[in-house]
């Protein structure tokens, strides 16, 4: 996440946050158990629009899709 954030040095508004132990993912109920594939607990693909610590939009993908969590999709919620 740090390296990704560093590619946007002018950014002052977006926070890049990691969830290595999946604590936040579990709290949201968005965990995906891939232990049978040797990958452990992962996060389902999702995008959140958060303003002043309040979730304004939560776009959660179904299965292996990528249809609602793109930057363009989440910006539509603005």
N, C-alpha and C. Protein backbone atom coordinates (compact mmCIF):
# COMPACT_ATOMS: atom_id res chain seq x y z
N UNK A 1 0.82 -1.18 0.00
CA UNK A 1 0.00 0.00 0.00
C UNK A 1 0.87 1.25 0.00
N UNK A 2 1.95 1.20 0.75
CA UNK A 2 2.84 2.37 0.82
C UNK A 2 3.40 2.71 -0.55
N UNK A 3 3.85 1.69 -1.28
CA UNK A 3 4.41 1.92 -2.61
C UNK A 3 3.35 2.46 -3.56
N UNK A 4 2.14 1.95 -3.47
CA UNK A 4 1.05 2.42 -4.31
C UNK A 4 0.75 3.88 -4.00
N UNK A 5 0.66 4.22 -2.73
CA UNK A 5 0.39 5.60 -2.32
C UNK A 5 1.49 6.55 -2.81
N UNK A 6 2.72 6.08 -2.82
CA UNK A 6 3.84 6.93 -3.25
C UNK A 6 3.78 7.26 -4.73
N UNK A 7 2.98 6.53 -5.50
CA UNK A 7 2.84 6.85 -6.92
C UNK A 7 1.91 8.04 -7.13
N UNK A 8 1.29 8.52 -6.05
CA UNK A 8 0.41 9.69 -6.09
C UNK A 8 0.89 10.73 -5.09
N UNK A 9 2.07 11.31 -5.29
CA UNK A 9 2.63 12.23 -4.30
C UNK A 9 1.78 13.49 -4.08
N UNK A 10 0.97 13.87 -5.06
CA UNK A 10 0.14 15.06 -4.93
C UNK A 10 -1.14 14.79 -4.15
N UNK A 11 -1.43 13.53 -3.86
CA UNK A 11 -2.66 13.14 -3.17
C UNK A 11 -2.69 13.67 -1.74
N UNK A 12 -3.76 14.33 -1.40
CA UNK A 12 -3.97 14.82 -0.03
C UNK A 12 -5.29 14.30 0.54
N UNK A 13 -6.10 13.63 -0.27
CA UNK A 13 -7.45 13.27 0.15
C UNK A 13 -7.70 11.78 0.33
N UNK A 14 -6.97 10.93 -0.39
CA UNK A 14 -7.23 9.50 -0.34
C UNK A 14 -6.25 8.84 0.61
N UNK A 15 -6.78 8.00 1.51
CA UNK A 15 -5.94 7.24 2.44
C UNK A 15 -5.78 5.83 1.90
N UNK A 16 -4.56 5.36 1.86
CA UNK A 16 -4.27 4.01 1.42
C UNK A 16 -4.06 3.17 2.67
N UNK A 17 -4.97 2.23 2.93
CA UNK A 17 -4.94 1.45 4.16
C UNK A 17 -4.84 -0.03 3.84
N UNK A 18 -3.95 -0.71 4.52
CA UNK A 18 -3.81 -2.16 4.38
C UNK A 18 -4.62 -2.85 5.46
N UNK A 19 -4.99 -4.09 5.21
CA UNK A 19 -5.75 -4.90 6.17
C UNK A 19 -5.14 -6.30 6.19
N UNK A 20 -3.86 -6.36 6.49
CA UNK A 20 -3.10 -7.60 6.42
C UNK A 20 -3.67 -8.75 7.24
N UNK A 21 -4.24 -8.47 8.38
CA UNK A 21 -4.80 -9.54 9.22
C UNK A 21 -6.30 -9.72 8.98
N UNK A 22 -6.86 -8.99 8.05
CA UNK A 22 -8.27 -9.07 7.65
C UNK A 22 -9.23 -8.66 8.76
N UNK A 23 -8.77 -7.88 9.71
CA UNK A 23 -9.63 -7.43 10.82
C UNK A 23 -10.80 -6.60 10.30
N UNK A 24 -10.52 -5.63 9.45
CA UNK A 24 -11.57 -4.77 8.90
C UNK A 24 -12.48 -5.58 7.98
N UNK A 25 -11.87 -6.45 7.18
CA UNK A 25 -12.63 -7.30 6.27
C UNK A 25 -13.63 -8.15 7.04
N UNK A 26 -13.20 -8.76 8.16
CA UNK A 26 -14.11 -9.55 8.98
C UNK A 26 -15.22 -8.68 9.56
N UNK A 27 -14.88 -7.49 10.03
CA UNK A 27 -15.88 -6.59 10.61
C UNK A 27 -16.96 -6.22 9.59
N UNK A 28 -16.56 -6.13 8.34
CA UNK A 28 -17.52 -5.81 7.27
C UNK A 28 -18.27 -7.05 6.77
N UNK A 29 -17.81 -8.23 7.18
CA UNK A 29 -18.43 -9.47 6.69
C UNK A 29 -18.08 -9.77 5.26
N UNK A 30 -16.90 -9.30 4.80
CA UNK A 30 -16.51 -9.47 3.40
C UNK A 30 -15.34 -10.43 3.22
N UNK A 31 -15.16 -11.34 4.20
CA UNK A 31 -14.05 -12.28 4.08
C UNK A 31 -14.40 -13.40 3.11
N UNK A 32 -13.38 -13.95 2.53
CA UNK A 32 -13.49 -15.03 1.57
C UNK A 32 -12.47 -16.08 1.97
N UNK A 33 -12.93 -17.26 2.34
CA UNK A 33 -12.02 -18.31 2.79
C UNK A 33 -11.51 -19.09 1.59
N UNK A 34 -10.24 -18.90 1.30
CA UNK A 34 -9.60 -19.63 0.20
C UNK A 34 -8.56 -20.60 0.74
N UNK A 35 -8.78 -21.07 1.98
CA UNK A 35 -7.86 -22.00 2.61
C UNK A 35 -7.69 -23.29 1.83
N UNK A 36 -8.75 -23.76 1.19
CA UNK A 36 -8.67 -25.00 0.41
C UNK A 36 -7.75 -24.85 -0.79
N UNK A 37 -7.45 -23.62 -1.16
CA UNK A 37 -6.53 -23.36 -2.28
C UNK A 37 -5.16 -22.92 -1.76
N UNK A 38 -4.99 -22.98 -0.42
CA UNK A 38 -3.72 -22.60 0.18
C UNK A 38 -3.51 -21.09 0.30
N UNK A 39 -4.58 -20.31 0.17
CA UNK A 39 -4.45 -18.86 0.18
C UNK A 39 -4.97 -18.22 1.46
N UNK A 40 -5.59 -18.99 2.36
CA UNK A 40 -6.08 -18.45 3.62
C UNK A 40 -7.26 -17.51 3.42
N UNK A 41 -7.42 -16.61 4.38
CA UNK A 41 -8.53 -15.66 4.33
C UNK A 41 -8.16 -14.47 3.45
N UNK A 42 -9.01 -14.16 2.55
CA UNK A 42 -8.84 -13.02 1.67
C UNK A 42 -10.07 -12.13 1.78
N UNK A 43 -10.02 -11.01 1.12
CA UNK A 43 -11.14 -10.08 1.08
C UNK A 43 -11.87 -10.26 -0.25
N UNK A 44 -13.19 -10.25 -0.19
CA UNK A 44 -13.93 -10.17 -1.44
C UNK A 44 -13.58 -8.86 -2.10
N UNK A 45 -13.75 -8.77 -3.40
CA UNK A 45 -13.46 -7.52 -4.11
C UNK A 45 -14.59 -6.52 -3.83
N UNK A 46 -14.21 -5.34 -3.35
CA UNK A 46 -15.19 -4.31 -3.05
C UNK A 46 -14.55 -2.94 -3.11
N UNK A 47 -15.38 -1.92 -3.20
CA UNK A 47 -14.93 -0.53 -3.15
C UNK A 47 -15.87 0.22 -2.23
N UNK A 48 -15.30 1.05 -1.37
CA UNK A 48 -16.09 1.87 -0.46
C UNK A 48 -15.88 3.34 -0.77
N UNK A 49 -16.93 4.10 -0.67
CA UNK A 49 -16.83 5.55 -0.70
C UNK A 49 -17.09 6.00 0.73
N UNK A 50 -16.07 6.57 1.37
CA UNK A 50 -16.17 6.96 2.77
C UNK A 50 -15.95 8.46 2.87
N UNK A 51 -16.83 9.12 3.59
CA UNK A 51 -16.72 10.56 3.81
C UNK A 51 -16.89 10.82 5.30
N UNK A 52 -15.90 11.44 5.90
CA UNK A 52 -15.92 11.76 7.33
C UNK A 52 -16.21 10.51 8.17
N UNK A 53 -15.52 9.41 7.82
CA UNK A 53 -15.61 8.12 8.50
C UNK A 53 -16.98 7.45 8.39
N UNK A 54 -17.80 7.90 7.45
CA UNK A 54 -19.10 7.28 7.20
C UNK A 54 -19.11 6.68 5.81
N UNK A 55 -19.52 5.43 5.72
CA UNK A 55 -19.60 4.76 4.42
C UNK A 55 -20.81 5.29 3.67
N UNK A 56 -20.55 5.93 2.54
CA UNK A 56 -21.62 6.49 1.71
C UNK A 56 -22.06 5.51 0.63
N UNK A 57 -21.14 4.63 0.21
CA UNK A 57 -21.47 3.62 -0.80
C UNK A 57 -20.55 2.43 -0.60
N UNK A 58 -21.11 1.24 -0.75
CA UNK A 58 -20.34 0.00 -0.67
C UNK A 58 -20.70 -0.84 -1.89
N UNK A 59 -19.78 -0.96 -2.81
CA UNK A 59 -20.00 -1.75 -4.02
C UNK A 59 -19.23 -3.06 -3.87
N UNK A 60 -19.96 -4.16 -3.72
CA UNK A 60 -19.37 -5.47 -3.47
C UNK A 60 -19.59 -6.36 -4.69
N UNK A 61 -18.50 -6.95 -5.17
CA UNK A 61 -18.58 -7.82 -6.34
C UNK A 61 -19.14 -9.19 -5.97
N UNK A 62 -19.76 -9.83 -6.93
CA UNK A 62 -20.22 -11.22 -6.81
C UNK A 62 -19.21 -12.13 -7.46
N UNK A 63 -18.88 -13.23 -6.79
CA UNK A 63 -17.97 -14.21 -7.37
C UNK A 63 -16.68 -13.58 -7.84
N UNK A 64 -16.23 -13.93 -9.01
CA UNK A 64 -14.99 -13.40 -9.57
C UNK A 64 -15.21 -12.24 -10.50
N UNK A 65 -16.35 -11.59 -10.38
CA UNK A 65 -16.68 -10.50 -11.29
C UNK A 65 -15.94 -9.21 -10.96
N UNK A 66 -15.91 -8.32 -11.92
CA UNK A 66 -15.36 -6.97 -11.75
C UNK A 66 -16.29 -6.03 -12.49
N UNK A 67 -17.47 -5.80 -11.89
CA UNK A 67 -18.49 -5.02 -12.57
C UNK A 67 -18.98 -3.81 -11.79
N UNK A 68 -18.72 -3.74 -10.47
CA UNK A 68 -19.24 -2.62 -9.68
C UNK A 68 -18.21 -1.94 -8.80
N UNK A 69 -16.97 -2.44 -8.76
CA UNK A 69 -16.00 -1.89 -7.82
C UNK A 69 -14.88 -1.07 -8.46
N UNK A 70 -15.02 -0.75 -9.73
CA UNK A 70 -13.99 0.06 -10.39
C UNK A 70 -14.05 1.50 -9.89
N UNK A 71 -13.00 2.23 -10.16
CA UNK A 71 -12.99 3.65 -9.79
C UNK A 71 -14.15 4.39 -10.44
N UNK A 72 -14.40 4.12 -11.70
CA UNK A 72 -15.53 4.77 -12.38
C UNK A 72 -16.86 4.45 -11.70
N UNK A 73 -17.03 3.20 -11.29
CA UNK A 73 -18.28 2.82 -10.64
C UNK A 73 -18.45 3.52 -9.29
N UNK A 74 -17.41 3.59 -8.50
CA UNK A 74 -17.52 4.19 -7.18
C UNK A 74 -17.69 5.72 -7.29
N UNK A 75 -17.10 6.31 -8.34
CA UNK A 75 -17.26 7.75 -8.53
C UNK A 75 -18.69 8.13 -8.89
N UNK A 76 -19.43 7.20 -9.46
CA UNK A 76 -20.84 7.45 -9.79
C UNK A 76 -21.66 7.70 -8.52
N UNK A 77 -21.15 7.25 -7.37
CA UNK A 77 -21.88 7.43 -6.10
C UNK A 77 -21.67 8.82 -5.51
N UNK A 78 -20.78 9.60 -6.10
CA UNK A 78 -20.53 10.95 -5.57
C UNK A 78 -21.70 11.88 -5.79
